Amino acid sequence: MNILTLITDWNNEDYYVGMVKGYLLKTNAEVQLAEISHRIPLFSSLVATFICRASYESFPEGTVHVLGIRGGINKEVAKPVAVSYKNHWFFGFNNPDFQQMFDAPQNPTAWALPDFNTSFPELDLLIKPAIQLLEGVPIEKIATGSISLERFTPVKHETTANSMVGAVLYIDGYGNAITNISRTDFESFTHGRKFRITLLRQQNVITEISSTVGVEEGELFAIFNSLGLLEVGQVNSRLDESIGIDVHSKIRIQLL
């Protein structure tokens, strides 16, 4: 199966999506294009990386994933690269956000891709070489050489005897905040004891983990989502707008 996934900040109204689809149909109609999202906030390579990390293992091994967002880093720094990791391929611009894809113990293998001036870098520098790979061209003939990829050390939550402080990684389409606190780490910290989750200010408090979203209008809730991460939200409201929570906001858990 020749599958190419695509994550961009183009939005669906621009012509870029049409150009890519047309190019695929004209050059290799056997490639299956899976458009994960074209609505990433402009230049937010961090959001694109989070979405790709959350979804790529749902695809068959051998899938090629294109993260078409260079971010706010100068093109002379964020060069196009291809990375082989956990039996998947990732094509993107080598910035610190992109490197967060590869924080597991096993080392990714990376190659530098041809880099040249173009008005459509996502297509010319990433998608076209990705299609070559899907067509069976060896990466050694596509890339200009192998490179060492910087190892990323993920930001961990801070823990003391009676408190744990995590951070928001992502705000989803409902305004819910997904944190960097896993179910395993949460349960190891609480050991079944009572706790209080504080969001930004003392009046925004949650004292239990729900199995589903709450039912009371405006009620704050905390759940462990399908990624196994602590997620907080507000029933029938956008938590990010109602209390001002955002990416990098702190989440404090205190034992009672």
C-alpha atoms as a PDB file:
ATOM      1  CA  MET A   1       0.000   0.000   0.000  1.00  0.00           C
ATOM      2  CA  ASN A   2       1.475   3.338  -1.098  1.00  0.00           C
ATOM      3  CA  ILE A   3       0.095   5.768   1.482  1.00  0.00           C
ATOM      4  CA  LEU A   4       1.116   9.400   1.795  1.00  0.00           C
ATOM      5  CA  THR A   5      -0.263  11.422   4.710  1.00  0.00           C
ATOM      6  CA  LEU A   6      -0.244  15.195   4.657  1.00  0.00           C
ATOM      7  CA  ILE A   7      -0.411  17.815   7.419  1.00  0.00           C
ATOM      8  CA  THR A   8      -0.287  21.507   6.459  1.00  0.00           C
ATOM      9  CA  ASP A   9      -1.460  24.994   7.399  1.00  0.00           C
ATOM     10  CA  TRP A  10      -2.864  25.722   3.934  1.00  0.00           C
ATOM     11  CA  ASN A  11      -6.603  25.648   4.862  1.00  0.00           C
ATOM     12  CA  ASN A  12      -8.986  24.008   2.406  1.00  0.00           C
ATOM     13  CA  GLU A  13      -9.785  27.109   0.420  1.00  0.00           C
ATOM     14  CA  ASP A  14      -6.337  27.649  -1.125  1.00  0.00           C
ATOM     15  CA  TYR A  15      -5.236  26.173  -4.433  1.00  0.00           C
ATOM     16  CA  TYR A  16      -2.278  24.302  -2.906  1.00  0.00           C
ATOM     17  CA  VAL A  17      -4.419  21.278  -2.043  1.00  0.00           C
ATOM     18  CA  GLY A  18      -5.689  21.076  -5.627  1.00  0.00           C
ATOM     19  CA  MET A  19      -2.174  21.284  -7.044  1.00  0.00           C
ATOM     20  CA  VAL A  20      -0.979  18.400  -4.874  1.00  0.00           C
ATOM     21  CA  LYS A  21      -3.981  16.197  -5.680  1.00  0.00           C
ATOM     22  CA  GLY A  22      -3.634  16.930  -9.371  1.00  0.00           C
ATOM     23  CA  TYR A  23       0.086  16.180  -9.308  1.00  0.00           C
ATOM     24  CA  LEU A  24      -0.548  12.811  -7.654  1.00  0.00           C
ATOM     25  CA  LEU A  25      -3.237  11.824 -10.144  1.00  0.00           C
ATOM     26  CA  LYS A  26      -1.048  12.853 -13.073  1.00  0.00           C
ATOM     27  CA  THR A  27       2.183  11.221 -11.925  1.00  0.00           C
ATOM     28  CA  ASN A  28       1.168   8.276  -9.734  1.00  0.00           C
ATOM     29  CA  ALA A  29      -2.510   7.534  -9.273  1.00  0.00           C
ATOM     30  CA  GLU A  30      -1.639   4.491  -7.131  1.00  0.00           C
ATOM     31  CA  VAL A  31      -0.482   6.647  -4.219  1.00  0.00           C
ATOM     32  CA  GLN A  32      -3.260   6.980  -1.649  1.00  0.00           C
ATOM     33  CA  LEU A  33      -3.344  10.484  -0.192  1.00  0.00           C
ATOM     34  CA  ALA A  34      -4.566  10.725   3.408  1.00  0.00           C
ATOM     35  CA  GLU A  35      -5.098  14.370   4.286  1.00  0.00           C
ATOM     36  CA  ILE A  36      -4.852  14.437   8.073  1.00  0.00           C
ATOM     37  CA  SER A  37      -5.278  18.209   8.352  1.00  0.00           C
ATOM     38  CA  HIS A  38      -4.838  21.401   6.358  1.00  0.00           C
ATOM     39  CA  ARG A  39      -6.056  23.589   9.205  1.00  0.00           C
ATOM     40  CA  ILE A  40      -2.971  23.762  11.395  1.00  0.00           C
ATOM     41  CA  PRO A  41      -2.583  27.299  12.826  1.00  0.00           C
ATOM     42  CA  LEU A  42      -0.290  29.273  10.535  1.00  0.00           C
ATOM     43  CA  PHE A  43       3.383  28.314  10.904  1.00  0.00           C
ATOM     44  CA  SER A  44       2.665  26.139  13.957  1.00  0.00           C
ATOM     45  CA  SER A  45       5.035  23.258  13.330  1.00  0.00           C
ATOM     46  CA  LEU A  46       4.635  22.260  17.001  1.00  0.00           C
ATOM     47  CA  VAL A  47       0.896  21.583  16.527  1.00  0.00           C
ATOM     48  CA  ALA A  48       1.595  19.685  13.296  1.00  0.00           C
ATOM     49  CA  THR A  49       4.117  17.492  15.095  1.00  0.00           C
ATOM     50  CA  PHE A  50       1.711  16.743  17.944  1.00  0.00           C
ATOM     51  CA  ILE A  51      -1.034  15.689  15.511  1.00  0.00           C
ATOM     52  CA  CYS A  52       1.354  13.500  13.544  1.00  0.00           C
ATOM     53  CA  ARG A  53       2.725  11.849  16.702  1.00  0.00           C
ATOM     54  CA  ALA A  54      -0.821  11.154  17.868  1.00  0.00           C
ATOM     55  CA  SER A  55      -1.962   9.585  14.597  1.00  0.00           C
ATOM     56  CA  TYR A  56       0.881   8.049  12.604  1.00  0.00           C
ATOM     57  CA  GLU A  57       0.890   4.617  14.294  1.00  0.00           C
ATOM     58  CA  SER A  58      -2.737   4.135  13.210  1.00  0.00           C
ATOM     59  CA  PHE A  59      -1.428   3.851   9.638  1.00  0.00           C
ATOM     60  CA  PRO A  60       0.231   0.754   8.149  1.00  0.00           C
ATOM     61  CA  GLU A  61       3.982   0.417   8.465  1.00  0.00           C
ATOM     62  CA  GLY A  62       5.786   1.896   5.480  1.00  0.00           C
ATOM     63  CA  THR A  63       3.461   4.906   5.298  1.00  0.00           C
ATOM     64  CA  VAL A  64       5.159   8.182   4.385  1.00  0.00           C
ATOM     65  CA  HIS A  65       4.103  11.187   6.461  1.00  0.00           C
ATOM     66  CA  VAL A  66       4.686  14.726   5.196  1.00  0.00           C
ATOM     67  CA  LEU A  67       4.668  17.595   7.702  1.00  0.00           C
ATOM     68  CA  GLY A  68       4.438  20.550   5.349  1.00  0.00           C
ATOM     69  CA  ILE A  69       5.128  23.371   7.813  1.00  0.00           C
ATOM     70  CA  ARG A  70       8.545  24.952   8.111  1.00  0.00           C
ATOM     71  CA  GLY A  71       7.484  27.062  11.076  1.00  0.00           C
ATOM     72  CA  GLY A  72       8.894  30.466  11.954  1.00  0.00           C
ATOM     73  CA  ILE A  73      12.492  29.360  11.401  1.00  0.00           C
ATOM     74  CA  ASN A  74      14.521  30.708   8.483  1.00  0.00           C
ATOM     75  CA  LYS A  75      14.719  28.357   5.507  1.00  0.00           C
ATOM     76  CA  GLU A  76      18.506  28.441   5.728  1.00  0.00           C
ATOM     77  CA  VAL A  77      18.198  26.689   9.091  1.00  0.00           C
ATOM     78  CA  ALA A  78      15.146  24.434   8.694  1.00  0.00           C
ATOM     79  CA  LYS A  79      16.322  22.213   5.846  1.00  0.00           C
ATOM     80  CA  PRO A  80      14.166  19.477   4.225  1.00  0.00           C
ATOM     81  CA  VAL A  81      14.876  16.013   5.627  1.00  0.00           C
ATOM     82  CA  ALA A  82      13.577  12.456   5.440  1.00  0.00           C
ATOM     83  CA  VAL A  83      13.561  10.297   8.571  1.00  0.00           C
ATOM     84  CA  SER A  84      13.016   6.560   8.980  1.00  0.00           C
ATOM     85  CA  TYR A  85      11.536   5.817  12.404  1.00  0.00           C
ATOM     86  CA  LYS A  86       9.553   2.878  13.802  1.00  0.00           C
ATOM     87  CA  ASN A  87       8.979   1.495  10.272  1.00  0.00           C
ATOM     88  CA  HIS A  88       7.425   4.763   9.081  1.00  0.00           C
ATOM     89  CA  TRP A  89       8.872   7.622   7.038  1.00  0.00           C
ATOM     90  CA  PHE A  90       8.664  11.311   7.909  1.00  0.00           C
ATOM     91  CA  PHE A  91       9.408  14.130   5.476  1.00  0.00           C
ATOM     92  CA  GLY A  92       9.588  17.621   6.940  1.00  0.00           C
ATOM     93  CA  PHE A  93      11.659  20.686   7.690  1.00  0.00           C
ATOM     94  CA  ASN A  94      14.309  20.019  10.303  1.00  0.00           C
ATOM     95  CA  ASN A  95      13.332  22.418  13.081  1.00  0.00           C
ATOM     96  CA  PRO A  96      13.144  21.729  16.856  1.00  0.00           C
ATOM     97  CA  ASP A  97       9.392  21.018  16.643  1.00  0.00           C
ATOM     98  CA  PHE A  98       9.848  18.405  13.912  1.00  0.00           C
ATOM     99  CA  GLN A  99      12.549  16.727  16.010  1.00  0.00           C
ATOM    100  CA  GLN A 100       9.963  16.066  18.729  1.00  0.00           C
ATOM    101  CA  MET A 101       8.593  13.269  16.548  1.00  0.00           C
ATOM    102  CA  PHE A 102      11.547  11.136  17.585  1.00  0.00           C
ATOM    103  CA  ASP A 103      11.857  11.108  21.368  1.00  0.00           C
ATOM    104  CA  ALA A 104      11.716   7.349  21.900  1.00  0.00           C
ATOM    105  CA  PRO A 105      14.900   5.405  22.816  1.00  0.00           C
ATOM    106  CA  GLN A 106      15.448   3.987  19.341  1.00  0.00           C
ATOM    107  CA  ASN A 107      17.468   6.247  17.077  1.00  0.00           C
ATOM    108  CA  PRO A 108      15.908   7.622  13.907  1.00  0.00           C
ATOM    109  CA  THR A 109      17.848   7.463  10.655  1.00  0.00           C
ATOM    110  CA  ALA A 110      17.848  10.751   8.762  1.00  0.00           C
ATOM    111  CA  TRP A 111      18.815  11.985   5.314  1.00  0.00           C
ATOM    112  CA  ALA A 112      19.183  15.482   3.896  1.00  0.00           C
ATOM    113  CA  LEU A 113      16.940  16.140   0.903  1.00  0.00           C
ATOM    114  CA  PRO A 114      17.805  18.317  -2.111  1.00  0.00           C
ATOM    115  CA  ASP A 115      17.256  21.964  -1.190  1.00  0.00           C
ATOM    116  CA  PHE A 116      16.700  24.699  -3.741  1.00  0.00           C
ATOM    117  CA  ASN A 117      14.679  27.871  -4.197  1.00  0.00           C
ATOM    118  CA  THR A 118      11.044  27.218  -5.083  1.00  0.00           C
ATOM    119  CA  SER A 119       7.741  29.013  -4.611  1.00  0.00           C
ATOM    120  CA  PHE A 120       6.112  25.769  -3.422  1.00  0.00           C
ATOM    121  CA  PRO A 121       8.629  24.103  -1.069  1.00  0.00           C
ATOM    122  CA  GLU A 122       6.131  21.644   0.434  1.00  0.00           C
ATOM    123  CA  LEU A 123       5.500  20.120  -2.994  1.00  0.00           C
ATOM    124  CA  ASP A 124       8.957  20.386  -4.537  1.00  0.00           C
ATOM    125  CA  LEU A 125      11.147  19.661  -1.491  1.00  0.00           C
ATOM    126  CA  LEU A 126       8.985  17.174   0.432  1.00  0.00           C
ATOM    127  CA  ILE A 127       6.072  15.660  -1.485  1.00  0.00           C
ATOM    128  CA  LYS A 128       7.881  14.935  -4.760  1.00  0.00           C
ATOM    129  CA  PRO A 129      10.780  13.068  -3.100  1.00  0.00           C
ATOM    130  CA  ALA A 130       8.274  11.298  -0.818  1.00  0.00           C
ATOM    131  CA  ILE A 131       6.456  10.011  -3.901  1.00  0.00           C
ATOM    132  CA  GLN A 132       9.766   8.804  -5.341  1.00  0.00           C
ATOM    133  CA  LEU A 133      10.318   6.775  -2.186  1.00  0.00           C
ATOM    134  CA  LEU A 134       6.840   5.253  -2.470  1.00  0.00           C
ATOM    135  CA  GLU A 135       7.631   4.353  -6.074  1.00  0.00           C
ATOM    136  CA  GLY A 136      10.564   2.268  -4.886  1.00  0.00           C
ATOM    137  CA  VAL A 137      13.481   4.634  -5.451  1.00  0.00           C
ATOM    138  CA  PRO A 138      16.090   4.000  -2.697  1.00  0.00           C
ATOM    139  CA  ILE A 139      16.467   6.872  -0.252  1.00  0.00           C
ATOM    140  CA  GLU A 140      20.202   6.960  -1.059  1.00  0.00           C
ATOM    141  CA  LYS A 141      19.315   8.055  -4.616  1.00  0.00           C
ATOM    142  CA  ILE A 142      16.800  10.636  -3.438  1.00  0.00           C
ATOM    143  CA  ALA A 143      18.772  12.254  -0.626  1.00  0.00           C
ATOM    144  CA  THR A 144      22.017  14.183  -0.790  1.00  0.00           C
ATOM    145  CA  GLY A 145      23.458  12.293   2.169  1.00  0.00           C
ATOM    146  CA  SER A 146      22.800  10.937   5.640  1.00  0.00           C
ATOM    147  CA  ILE A 147      22.777  13.317   8.595  1.00  0.00           C
ATOM    148  CA  SER A 148      22.717  13.178  12.388  1.00  0.00           C
ATOM    149  CA  LEU A 149      19.393  14.273  13.825  1.00  0.00           C
ATOM    150  CA  GLU A 150      19.481  16.126  17.121  1.00  0.00           C
ATOM    151  CA  ARG A 151      18.022  14.075  19.949  1.00  0.00           C
ATOM    152  CA  PHE A 152      15.031  15.730  21.536  1.00  0.00           C
ATOM    153  CA  THR A 153      14.531  15.632  25.284  1.00  0.00           C
ATOM    154  CA  PRO A 154      10.814  16.030  25.988  1.00  0.00           C
ATOM    155  CA  VAL A 155       9.683  18.484  28.642  1.00  0.00           C
ATOM    156  CA  LYS A 156       8.648  16.420  31.648  1.00  0.00           C
ATOM    157  CA  HIS A 157       6.255  17.335  34.404  1.00  0.00           C
ATOM    158  CA  GLU A 158       7.757  18.436  37.719  1.00  0.00           C
ATOM    159  CA  THR A 159       6.987  16.318  40.782  1.00  0.00           C
ATOM    160  CA  THR A 160       7.491  16.859  44.498  1.00  0.00           C
ATOM    161  CA  ALA A 161       6.158  14.825  47.433  1.00  0.00           C
ATOM    162  CA  ASN A 162       2.718  16.430  47.293  1.00  0.00           C
ATOM    163  CA  SER A 163       2.376  18.097  43.895  1.00  0.00           C
ATOM    164  CA  MET A 164       2.838  17.491  40.198  1.00  0.00           C
ATOM    165  CA  VAL A 165       3.039  20.329  37.670  1.00  0.00           C
ATOM    166  CA  GLY A 166       2.470  19.520  33.997  1.00  0.00           C
ATOM    167  CA  ALA A 167       1.972  21.597  30.873  1.00  0.00           C
ATOM    168  CA  VAL A 168      -0.583  21.863  28.074  1.00  0.00           C
ATOM    169  CA  LEU A 169       0.707  20.343  24.835  1.00  0.00           C
ATOM    170  CA  TYR A 170      -2.272  20.949  22.581  1.00  0.00           C
ATOM    171  CA  ILE A 171      -5.688  22.637  22.399  1.00  0.00           C
ATOM    172  CA  ASP A 172      -8.142  20.549  20.378  1.00  0.00           C
ATOM    173  CA  GLY A 173     -11.048  21.707  18.232  1.00  0.00           C
ATOM    174  CA  TYR A 174     -13.398  21.757  21.230  1.00  0.00           C
ATOM    175  CA  GLY A 175     -11.109  23.984  23.258  1.00  0.00           C
ATOM    176  CA  ASN A 176     -10.030  21.115  25.517  1.00  0.00           C
ATOM    177  CA  ALA A 177      -6.453  21.110  26.794  1.00  0.00           C
ATOM    178  CA  ILE A 178      -4.299  17.983  26.395  1.00  0.00           C
ATOM    179  CA  THR A 179      -1.399  17.823  28.846  1.00  0.00           C
ATOM    180  CA  ASN A 180       1.935  16.025  29.078  1.00  0.00           C
ATOM    181  CA  ILE A 181       0.758  13.982  32.089  1.00  0.00           C
ATOM    182  CA  SER A 182       0.171  10.324  31.243  1.00  0.00           C
ATOM    183  CA  ARG A 183      -2.231   8.008  33.036  1.00  0.00           C
ATOM    184  CA  THR A 184       0.718   5.907  34.243  1.00  0.00           C
ATOM    185  CA  ASP A 185       2.553   8.888  35.742  1.00  0.00           C
ATOM    186  CA  PHE A 186      -0.645  10.261  37.284  1.00  0.00           C
ATOM    187  CA  GLU A 187      -1.553   6.971  38.964  1.00  0.00           C
ATOM    188  CA  SER A 188       2.016   6.436  40.181  1.00  0.00           C
ATOM    189  CA  PHE A 189       1.909   9.867  41.781  1.00  0.00           C
ATOM    190  CA  THR A 190      -1.542   9.729  43.370  1.00  0.00           C
ATOM    191  CA  HIS A 191      -1.591   6.039  44.440  1.00  0.00           C
ATOM    192  CA  GLY A 192      -5.378   6.267  44.818  1.00  0.00           C
ATOM    193  CA  ARG A 193      -5.218   9.285  47.138  1.00  0.00           C
ATOM    194  CA  LYS A 194      -7.515  12.288  46.847  1.00  0.00           C
ATOM    195  CA  PHE A 195      -6.232  15.151  44.733  1.00  0.00           C
ATOM    196  CA  ARG A 196      -7.034  18.578  43.369  1.00  0.00           C
ATOM    197  CA  ILE A 197      -6.278  19.687  39.778  1.00  0.00           C
ATOM    198  CA  THR A 198      -5.899  23.462  39.475  1.00  0.00           C
ATOM    199  CA  LEU A 199      -6.114  25.203  36.100  1.00  0.00           C
ATOM    200  CA  LEU A 200      -4.438  28.632  36.085  1.00  0.00           C
ATOM    201  CA  ARG A 201      -6.343  30.004  39.106  1.00  0.00           C
ATOM    202  CA  GLN A 202      -7.575  28.578  42.400  1.00  0.00           C
ATOM    203  CA  GLN A 203     -11.255  28.828  41.395  1.00  0.00           C
ATOM    204  CA  ASN A 204     -10.690  26.455  38.445  1.00  0.00           C
ATOM    205  CA  VAL A 205     -10.500  23.152  40.321  1.00  0.00           C
ATOM    206  CA  ILE A 206     -11.224  19.519  39.411  1.00  0.00           C
ATOM    207  CA  THR A 207     -11.185  16.786  42.076  1.00  0.00           C
ATOM    208  CA  GLU A 208     -11.876  13.601  40.124  1.00  0.00           C
ATOM    209  CA  ILE A 209     -11.090  11.873  36.847  1.00  0.00           C
ATOM    210  CA  SER A 210     -14.177  11.102  34.762  1.00  0.00           C
ATOM    211  CA  SER A 211     -14.671   8.164  32.430  1.00  0.00           C
ATOM    212  CA  THR A 212     -16.624  10.405  30.031  1.00  0.00           C
ATOM    213  CA  VAL A 213     -17.234  14.105  29.509  1.00  0.00           C
ATOM    214  CA  GLY A 214     -19.411  15.610  32.259  1.00  0.00           C
ATOM    215  CA  VAL A 215     -23.097  16.456  31.911  1.00  0.00           C
ATOM    216  CA  GLU A 216     -23.515  19.680  33.894  1.00  0.00           C
ATOM    217  CA  GLU A 217     -23.481  22.791  31.702  1.00  0.00           C
ATOM    218  CA  GLY A 218     -20.181  24.628  32.223  1.00  0.00           C
ATOM    219  CA  GLU A 219     -18.758  21.861  34.420  1.00  0.00           C
ATOM    220  CA  LEU A 220     -14.979  21.406  34.353  1.00  0.00           C
ATOM    221  CA  PHE A 221     -13.854  17.826  33.732  1.00  0.00           C
ATOM    222  CA  ALA A 222     -10.697  15.753  33.490  1.00  0.00           C
ATOM    223  CA  ILE A 223     -10.344  12.508  31.544  1.00  0.00           C
ATOM    224  CA  PHE A 224      -7.611  10.307  30.164  1.00  0.00           C
ATOM    225  CA  ASN A 225      -8.030  10.468  26.410  1.00  0.00           C
ATOM    226  CA  SER A 226      -7.330   7.905  23.689  1.00  0.00           C
ATOM    227  CA  LEU A 227      -3.625   8.836  23.803  1.00  0.00           C
ATOM    228  CA  GLY A 228      -3.467   8.004  27.505  1.00  0.00           C
ATOM    229  CA  LEU A 229      -2.880  11.665  28.383  1.00  0.00           C
ATOM    230  CA  LEU A 230      -4.691  13.823  30.920  1.00  0.00           C
ATOM    231  CA  GLU A 231      -7.161  16.105  29.136  1.00  0.00           C
ATOM    232  CA  VAL A 232      -9.190  18.874  30.780  1.00  0.00           C
ATOM    233  CA  GLY A 233     -12.214  20.692  29.379  1.00  0.00           C
ATOM    234  CA  GLN A 234     -15.550  22.334  30.070  1.00  0.00           C
ATOM    235  CA  VAL A 235     -18.980  20.923  29.179  1.00  0.00           C
ATOM    236  CA  ASN A 236     -20.530  22.713  26.168  1.00  0.00           C
ATOM    237  CA  SER A 237     -17.903  25.443  26.302  1.00  0.00           C
ATOM    238  CA  ARG A 238     -14.381  26.128  25.103  1.00  0.00           C
ATOM    239  CA  LEU A 239     -12.056  25.930  28.090  1.00  0.00           C
ATOM    240  CA  ASP A 240      -9.342  27.870  26.261  1.00  0.00           C
ATOM    241  CA  GLU A 241     -11.688  30.830  25.782  1.00  0.00           C
ATOM    242  CA  SER A 242     -13.537  30.674  29.121  1.00  0.00           C
ATOM    243  CA  ILE A 243     -10.462  30.665  31.387  1.00  0.00           C
ATOM    244  CA  GLY A 244      -7.672  31.584  28.948  1.00  0.00           C
ATOM    245  CA  ILE A 245      -5.760  28.307  29.032  1.00  0.00           C
ATOM    246  CA  ASP A 246      -3.328  27.793  26.151  1.00  0.00           C
ATOM    247  CA  VAL A 247      -0.389  25.698  24.957  1.00  0.00           C
ATOM    248  CA  HIS A 248       2.368  25.725  27.613  1.00  0.00           C
ATOM    249  CA  SER A 249      -0.093  26.716  30.400  1.00  0.00           C
ATOM    250  CA  LYS A 250       0.686  24.940  33.668  1.00  0.00           C
ATOM    251  CA  ILE A 251      -1.557  22.274  35.236  1.00  0.00           C
ATOM    252  CA  ARG A 252      -1.030  21.648  38.957  1.00  0.00           C
ATOM    253  CA  ILE A 253      -2.078  18.461  40.774  1.00  0.00           C
ATOM    254  CA  GLN A 254      -1.951  18.551  44.566  1.00  0.00           C
ATOM    255  CA  LEU A 255      -2.531  15.683  46.961  1.00  0.00           C
ATOM    256  CA  LEU A 256      -5.121  16.371  49.665  1.00  0.00           C
END
